[in-house]
C-alpha cells in the first residue's frame, strides 16, 4: 500500500491507523500547493480532487477521503479490533462518531486555514470550533478513555489528528479537560509517535 500524505494535516489519521494495524506501506509526500509528489509525480493523476489523503492498494485502486480509508484498513485487518464488524449496531455508532468528527469538527477548521477568509469568517469559525469541541468534551463525560468506550478505535486517530490543529489556530485545548487528557493518551501510543516522527512533527 502507498499512502499519499502531507505532514500534519488530516492524512495523519490513516497514517496512524496503518501503523496500528501493522500494515506494510510506503509514504509519498504531497505538495498541496503545487499538486506534486516528492517523487516528481502529478498528484492529480492519483486524486483528481487534489487533496490528501489517498491510499493506493495492491490492486492499483485508489481510495480517497480519510474516513473511508481508515474504515477500509480496519476491515482489512479485523484482528486489530479498530472497528466493530459491519452491520452491527456498534459499527453504526462508529459511523456516527466518524461523521461527527469529519463533518462537524474537521470542517469547522476550514476557514481558519483559508488565507482568503475575512476576519468575520475566522471569528465565526473559531466559535464553531469551540462549540464542536464542547460537544466532543461531553462525549467523554461518562469517564470513557476513548470515543467508543474503553478501547482505541479508528475514530480516535481522527479526533486526535484534528485536536492537534487547535494550537495552530490559537485555541487552548486545556479548556476541555477530557479532550486534553484524551489527546495526551493518544499521543503517547507507539503508532502515533512513529507516524508523527515520520512526518517530522516531533
C-alpha atoms as a PDB file:
ATOM      1  CA  UNK A   1       0.000   0.000   0.000  1.00  0.00           C
ATOM      2  CA  UNK A   2       1.029   3.584  -0.584  1.00  0.00           C
ATOM      3  CA  UNK A   3      -0.226   6.498   1.488  1.00  0.00           C
ATOM      4  CA  UNK A   4      -0.195   9.960  -0.062  1.00  0.00           C
ATOM      5  CA  UNK A   5       0.111  12.476   2.754  1.00  0.00           C
ATOM      6  CA  UNK A   6       1.086  15.977   3.759  1.00  0.00           C
ATOM      7  CA  UNK A   7       2.671  16.456   7.204  1.00  0.00           C
ATOM      8  CA  UNK A   8       0.298  17.443   9.995  1.00  0.00           C
ATOM      9  CA  UNK A   9      -2.951  17.528   8.034  1.00  0.00           C
ATOM     10  CA  UNK A  10      -5.847  15.068   8.032  1.00  0.00           C
ATOM     11  CA  UNK A  11      -3.741  12.356   6.369  1.00  0.00           C
ATOM     12  CA  UNK A  12      -2.108  11.827   9.772  1.00  0.00           C
ATOM     13  CA  UNK A  13      -5.177   9.805  10.775  1.00  0.00           C
ATOM     14  CA  UNK A  14      -4.783   6.992   8.207  1.00  0.00           C
ATOM     15  CA  UNK A  15      -1.018   7.139   8.753  1.00  0.00           C
ATOM     16  CA  UNK A  16      -1.605   6.327  12.422  1.00  0.00           C
ATOM     17  CA  UNK A  17      -4.042   3.553  11.540  1.00  0.00           C
ATOM     18  CA  UNK A  18      -1.624   1.980   9.064  1.00  0.00           C
ATOM     19  CA  UNK A  19       0.919   1.725  11.861  1.00  0.00           C
ATOM     20  CA  UNK A  20      -1.682   0.484  14.354  1.00  0.00           C
ATOM     21  CA  UNK A  21      -2.667  -2.444  12.128  1.00  0.00           C
ATOM     22  CA  UNK A  22       0.944  -3.282  11.285  1.00  0.00           C
ATOM     23  CA  UNK A  23       0.497  -2.865   7.531  1.00  0.00           C
ATOM     24  CA  UNK A  24       3.389  -2.700   5.104  1.00  0.00           C
ATOM     25  CA  UNK A  25       3.191   0.600   3.264  1.00  0.00           C
ATOM     26  CA  UNK A  26       5.131   3.330   1.525  1.00  0.00           C
ATOM     27  CA  UNK A  27       4.788   7.046   2.168  1.00  0.00           C
ATOM     28  CA  UNK A  28       4.597   9.591  -0.622  1.00  0.00           C
ATOM     29  CA  UNK A  29       4.566  13.236   0.416  1.00  0.00           C
ATOM     30  CA  UNK A  30       2.332  15.652  -1.465  1.00  0.00           C
ATOM     31  CA  UNK A  31       2.901  19.364  -2.031  1.00  0.00           C
ATOM     32  CA  UNK A  32      -0.689  20.580  -1.803  1.00  0.00           C
ATOM     33  CA  UNK A  33       0.061  23.991  -3.303  1.00  0.00           C
ATOM     34  CA  UNK A  34       1.686  22.573  -6.429  1.00  0.00           C
ATOM     35  CA  UNK A  35      -0.237  19.250  -6.512  1.00  0.00           C
ATOM     36  CA  UNK A  36       3.004  17.316  -6.930  1.00  0.00           C
ATOM     37  CA  UNK A  37       4.587  14.447  -5.042  1.00  0.00           C
ATOM     38  CA  UNK A  38       8.074  14.183  -3.620  1.00  0.00           C
ATOM     39  CA  UNK A  39       8.728  11.578  -6.313  1.00  0.00           C
ATOM     40  CA  UNK A  40       8.069  14.105  -9.063  1.00  0.00           C
ATOM     41  CA  UNK A  41       4.587  12.937  -9.980  1.00  0.00           C
ATOM     42  CA  UNK A  42       1.406  14.850 -10.722  1.00  0.00           C
ATOM     43  CA  UNK A  43      -0.746  14.210  -7.668  1.00  0.00           C
ATOM     44  CA  UNK A  44      -3.957  14.986  -9.526  1.00  0.00           C
ATOM     45  CA  UNK A  45      -3.349  11.815 -11.507  1.00  0.00           C
ATOM     46  CA  UNK A  46      -3.712   9.984  -8.188  1.00  0.00           C
ATOM     47  CA  UNK A  47      -6.551  12.050  -6.745  1.00  0.00           C
ATOM     48  CA  UNK A  48      -8.194  14.467  -9.194  1.00  0.00           C
ATOM     49  CA  UNK A  49      -9.586  16.440  -6.245  1.00  0.00           C
ATOM     50  CA  UNK A  50      -6.039  17.373  -5.350  1.00  0.00           C
ATOM     51  CA  UNK A  51      -6.166  16.910  -1.610  1.00  0.00           C
ATOM     52  CA  UNK A  52      -4.905  14.252   0.786  1.00  0.00           C
ATOM     53  CA  UNK A  53      -5.155  11.560   1.957  1.00  0.00           C
ATOM     54  CA  UNK A  54      -5.221   8.925  -0.735  1.00  0.00           C
ATOM     55  CA  UNK A  55      -4.353   5.275  -0.360  1.00  0.00           C
ATOM     56  CA  UNK A  56      -3.225   3.144  -3.291  1.00  0.00           C
ATOM     57  CA  UNK A  57      -3.845  -0.525  -2.578  1.00  0.00           C
ATOM     58  CA  UNK A  58      -2.318  -3.670  -4.070  1.00  0.00           C
ATOM     59  CA  UNK A  59      -4.891  -3.852  -6.881  1.00  0.00           C
ATOM     60  CA  UNK A  60      -3.872  -0.375  -8.033  1.00  0.00           C
ATOM     61  CA  UNK A  61      -7.168   1.100  -6.875  1.00  0.00           C
ATOM     62  CA  UNK A  62      -7.012   4.419  -5.043  1.00  0.00           C
ATOM     63  CA  UNK A  63      -9.205   5.162  -2.031  1.00  0.00           C
ATOM     64  CA  UNK A  64      -9.754   8.791  -1.056  1.00  0.00           C
ATOM     65  CA  UNK A  65     -11.371  10.530   1.933  1.00  0.00           C
ATOM     66  CA  UNK A  66      -9.856   9.855   5.329  1.00  0.00           C
ATOM     67  CA  UNK A  67     -12.876   8.274   6.988  1.00  0.00           C
ATOM     68  CA  UNK A  68     -13.261   5.816   4.085  1.00  0.00           C
ATOM     69  CA  UNK A  69      -9.573   4.906   4.204  1.00  0.00           C
ATOM     70  CA  UNK A  70      -9.466   4.195   7.914  1.00  0.00           C
ATOM     71  CA  UNK A  71     -12.603   2.044   7.724  1.00  0.00           C
ATOM     72  CA  UNK A  72     -11.099   0.096   4.833  1.00  0.00           C
ATOM     73  CA  UNK A  73      -7.929  -0.508   6.844  1.00  0.00           C
ATOM     74  CA  UNK A  74      -9.866  -1.639   9.917  1.00  0.00           C
ATOM     75  CA  UNK A  75     -11.827  -4.095   7.754  1.00  0.00           C
ATOM     76  CA  UNK A  76      -8.683  -5.397   6.041  1.00  0.00           C
ATOM     77  CA  UNK A  77      -7.109  -6.050   9.437  1.00  0.00           C
ATOM     78  CA  UNK A  78     -10.068  -7.180  11.598  1.00  0.00           C
ATOM     79  CA  UNK A  79      -7.720  -8.736  14.140  1.00  0.00           C
ATOM     80  CA  UNK A  80      -6.663  -5.195  15.070  1.00  0.00           C
ATOM     81  CA  UNK A  81     -10.087  -4.591  16.635  1.00  0.00           C
ATOM     82  CA  UNK A  82     -10.080  -0.981  15.403  1.00  0.00           C
ATOM     83  CA  UNK A  83     -13.699  -1.116  14.204  1.00  0.00           C
ATOM     84  CA  UNK A  84     -16.710  -3.277  15.068  1.00  0.00           C
ATOM     85  CA  UNK A  85     -17.998  -5.728  12.492  1.00  0.00           C
ATOM     86  CA  UNK A  86     -20.013  -4.290   9.608  1.00  0.00           C
ATOM     87  CA  UNK A  87     -23.773  -4.449  10.068  1.00  0.00           C
ATOM     88  CA  UNK A  88     -23.686  -4.261  13.863  1.00  0.00           C
ATOM     89  CA  UNK A  89     -25.172  -1.506  15.995  1.00  0.00           C
ATOM     90  CA  UNK A  90     -21.663  -0.873  17.291  1.00  0.00           C
ATOM     91  CA  UNK A  91     -20.487  -0.211  13.730  1.00  0.00           C
ATOM     92  CA  UNK A  92     -23.372   2.208  13.209  1.00  0.00           C
ATOM     93  CA  UNK A  93     -22.279   4.078  16.322  1.00  0.00           C
ATOM     94  CA  UNK A  94     -18.743   4.209  14.941  1.00  0.00           C
ATOM     95  CA  UNK A  95     -20.104   5.656  11.678  1.00  0.00           C
ATOM     96  CA  UNK A  96     -21.951   8.275  13.696  1.00  0.00           C
ATOM     97  CA  UNK A  97     -18.794   9.280  15.566  1.00  0.00           C
ATOM     98  CA  UNK A  98     -16.733   9.350  12.349  1.00  0.00           C
ATOM     99  CA  UNK A  99     -19.314  11.547  10.631  1.00  0.00           C
ATOM    100  CA  UNK A 100     -19.319  13.909  13.592  1.00  0.00           C
ATOM    101  CA  UNK A 101     -15.527  14.279  13.518  1.00  0.00           C
ATOM    102  CA  UNK A 102     -15.424  14.626   9.722  1.00  0.00           C
ATOM    103  CA  UNK A 103     -18.410  16.879   9.075  1.00  0.00           C
ATOM    104  CA  UNK A 104     -18.576  18.902  12.260  1.00  0.00           C
ATOM    105  CA  UNK A 105     -15.148  19.048  13.895  1.00  0.00           C
ATOM    106  CA  UNK A 106     -12.784  18.754  10.917  1.00  0.00           C
ATOM    107  CA  UNK A 107     -14.692  21.021   8.556  1.00  0.00           C
ATOM    108  CA  UNK A 108     -15.187  23.727  11.174  1.00  0.00           C
ATOM    109  CA  UNK A 109     -11.453  24.495  10.921  1.00  0.00           C
ATOM    110  CA  UNK A 110     -11.546  25.181   7.175  1.00  0.00           C
ATOM    111  CA  UNK A 111     -11.975  28.998   7.254  1.00  0.00           C
ATOM    112  CA  UNK A 112      -9.123  29.263   9.756  1.00  0.00           C
ATOM    113  CA  UNK A 113      -6.694  27.719   7.267  1.00  0.00           C
ATOM    114  CA  UNK A 114      -8.001  29.673   4.266  1.00  0.00           C
ATOM    115  CA  UNK A 115      -5.929  32.783   3.527  1.00  0.00           C
ATOM    116  CA  UNK A 116      -8.906  34.348   1.772  1.00  0.00           C
ATOM    117  CA  UNK A 117     -11.144  34.186   4.863  1.00  0.00           C
ATOM    118  CA  UNK A 118     -12.220  37.534   6.281  1.00  0.00           C
ATOM    119  CA  UNK A 119     -11.782  38.356   9.961  1.00  0.00           C
ATOM    120  CA  UNK A 120     -15.524  37.884  10.393  1.00  0.00           C
ATOM    121  CA  UNK A 121     -15.392  34.416   8.859  1.00  0.00           C
ATOM    122  CA  UNK A 122     -12.452  33.451  11.036  1.00  0.00           C
ATOM    123  CA  UNK A 123     -14.182  34.704  14.187  1.00  0.00           C
ATOM    124  CA  UNK A 124     -17.293  32.688  13.326  1.00  0.00           C
ATOM    125  CA  UNK A 125     -15.172  29.641  12.586  1.00  0.00           C
ATOM    126  CA  UNK A 126     -13.369  29.898  15.917  1.00  0.00           C
ATOM    127  CA  UNK A 127     -16.722  29.955  17.702  1.00  0.00           C
ATOM    128  CA  UNK A 128     -17.836  26.894  15.751  1.00  0.00           C
ATOM    129  CA  UNK A 129     -14.629  25.017  16.552  1.00  0.00           C
ATOM    130  CA  UNK A 130     -15.133  25.764  20.236  1.00  0.00           C
ATOM    131  CA  UNK A 131     -18.764  24.600  20.127  1.00  0.00           C
ATOM    132  CA  UNK A 132     -17.775  21.342  18.410  1.00  0.00           C
ATOM    133  CA  UNK A 133     -15.087  20.625  20.979  1.00  0.00           C
ATOM    134  CA  UNK A 134     -17.666  21.361  23.666  1.00  0.00           C
ATOM    135  CA  UNK A 135     -19.645  18.507  22.118  1.00  0.00           C
ATOM    136  CA  UNK A 136     -16.578  16.280  21.985  1.00  0.00           C
ATOM    137  CA  UNK A 137     -15.891  17.042  25.644  1.00  0.00           C
ATOM    138  CA  UNK A 138     -19.389  15.840  26.512  1.00  0.00           C
ATOM    139  CA  UNK A 139     -18.728  12.548  24.739  1.00  0.00           C
ATOM    140  CA  UNK A 140     -16.163  11.747  27.444  1.00  0.00           C
ATOM    141  CA  UNK A 141     -18.284  12.840  30.407  1.00  0.00           C
ATOM    142  CA  UNK A 142     -19.024   9.241  31.439  1.00  0.00           C
ATOM    143  CA  UNK A 143     -15.327   8.711  32.128  1.00  0.00           C
ATOM    144  CA  UNK A 144     -14.546   6.759  28.967  1.00  0.00           C
ATOM    145  CA  UNK A 145     -10.963   6.823  27.739  1.00  0.00           C
ATOM    146  CA  UNK A 146     -11.805   6.638  24.030  1.00  0.00           C
ATOM    147  CA  UNK A 147     -14.691   7.856  21.915  1.00  0.00           C
ATOM    148  CA  UNK A 148     -16.222   4.415  21.568  1.00  0.00           C
ATOM    149  CA  UNK A 149     -15.590   3.341  25.158  1.00  0.00           C
ATOM    150  CA  UNK A 150     -12.612   1.603  26.728  1.00  0.00           C
ATOM    151  CA  UNK A 151     -10.778   0.621  23.540  1.00  0.00           C
ATOM    152  CA  UNK A 152      -8.874   2.616  20.915  1.00  0.00           C
ATOM    153  CA  UNK A 153     -10.564   2.714  17.506  1.00  0.00           C
ATOM    154  CA  UNK A 154     -10.106   4.413  14.150  1.00  0.00           C
ATOM    155  CA  UNK A 155     -12.244   7.371  15.201  1.00  0.00           C
ATOM    156  CA  UNK A 156      -9.771   8.158  17.985  1.00  0.00           C
ATOM    157  CA  UNK A 157      -6.992   8.537  15.419  1.00  0.00           C
ATOM    158  CA  UNK A 158      -9.178  11.026  13.555  1.00  0.00           C
ATOM    159  CA  UNK A 159     -10.236  13.092  16.584  1.00  0.00           C
ATOM    160  CA  UNK A 160      -6.641  13.212  17.806  1.00  0.00           C
ATOM    161  CA  UNK A 161      -5.492  14.466  14.416  1.00  0.00           C
ATOM    162  CA  UNK A 162      -7.926  17.383  14.346  1.00  0.00           C
ATOM    163  CA  UNK A 163      -7.221  18.183  18.009  1.00  0.00           C
ATOM    164  CA  UNK A 164      -3.591  18.884  17.075  1.00  0.00           C
ATOM    165  CA  UNK A 165      -4.813  21.824  14.986  1.00  0.00           C
ATOM    166  CA  UNK A 166      -6.163  23.726  17.996  1.00  0.00           C
ATOM    167  CA  UNK A 167      -2.753  25.140  18.892  1.00  0.00           C
ATOM    168  CA  UNK A 168      -2.209  26.204  15.265  1.00  0.00           C
ATOM    169  CA  UNK A 169      -5.316  28.403  15.372  1.00  0.00           C
ATOM    170  CA  UNK A 170      -4.695  29.807  18.841  1.00  0.00           C
ATOM    171  CA  UNK A 171      -7.249  27.787  20.814  1.00  0.00           C
ATOM    172  CA  UNK A 172      -6.202  26.281  24.150  1.00  0.00           C
ATOM    173  CA  UNK A 173      -7.102  22.584  24.348  1.00  0.00           C
ATOM    174  CA  UNK A 174      -6.916  22.735  28.145  1.00  0.00           C
ATOM    175  CA  UNK A 175     -10.351  24.345  28.315  1.00  0.00           C
ATOM    176  CA  UNK A 176     -11.617  20.822  27.590  1.00  0.00           C
ATOM    177  CA  UNK A 177     -10.011  18.639  30.306  1.00  0.00           C
ATOM    178  CA  UNK A 178     -11.389  15.373  28.927  1.00  0.00           C
ATOM    179  CA  UNK A 179     -10.282  16.099  25.374  1.00  0.00           C
ATOM    180  CA  UNK A 180      -6.878  17.247  26.593  1.00  0.00           C
ATOM    181  CA  UNK A 181      -6.329  14.023  28.547  1.00  0.00           C
ATOM    182  CA  UNK A 182      -7.564  12.035  25.566  1.00  0.00           C
ATOM    183  CA  UNK A 183      -5.106  13.789  23.233  1.00  0.00           C
ATOM    184  CA  UNK A 184      -2.201  13.123  25.611  1.00  0.00           C
ATOM    185  CA  UNK A 185      -3.236   9.476  25.871  1.00  0.00           C
ATOM    186  CA  UNK A 186      -3.343   9.048  22.098  1.00  0.00           C
ATOM    187  CA  UNK A 187      -0.119  10.988  21.508  1.00  0.00           C
ATOM    188  CA  UNK A 188       1.765   8.502  23.684  1.00  0.00           C
ATOM    189  CA  UNK A 189       0.747   5.477  21.626  1.00  0.00           C
ATOM    190  CA  UNK A 190       3.723   3.951  19.764  1.00  0.00           C
ATOM    191  CA  UNK A 191       1.885   4.133  16.437  1.00  0.00           C
ATOM    192  CA  UNK A 192       1.195   7.828  16.901  1.00  0.00           C
ATOM    193  CA  UNK A 193       4.747   8.597  17.951  1.00  0.00           C
ATOM    194  CA  UNK A 194       6.069   6.707  14.915  1.00  0.00           C
ATOM    195  CA  UNK A 195       3.689   8.446  12.497  1.00  0.00           C
ATOM    196  CA  UNK A 196       4.458  11.909  13.874  1.00  0.00           C
ATOM    197  CA  UNK A 197       8.199  11.268  13.763  1.00  0.00           C
ATOM    198  CA  UNK A 198       7.963  10.044  10.181  1.00  0.00           C
ATOM    199  CA  UNK A 199       6.125  13.245   9.234  1.00  0.00           C
ATOM    200  CA  UNK A 200       8.640  15.443  11.043  1.00  0.00           C
ATOM    201  CA  UNK A 201       6.062  16.643  13.568  1.00  0.00           C
ATOM    202  CA  UNK A 202       8.107  15.643  16.598  1.00  0.00           C
END
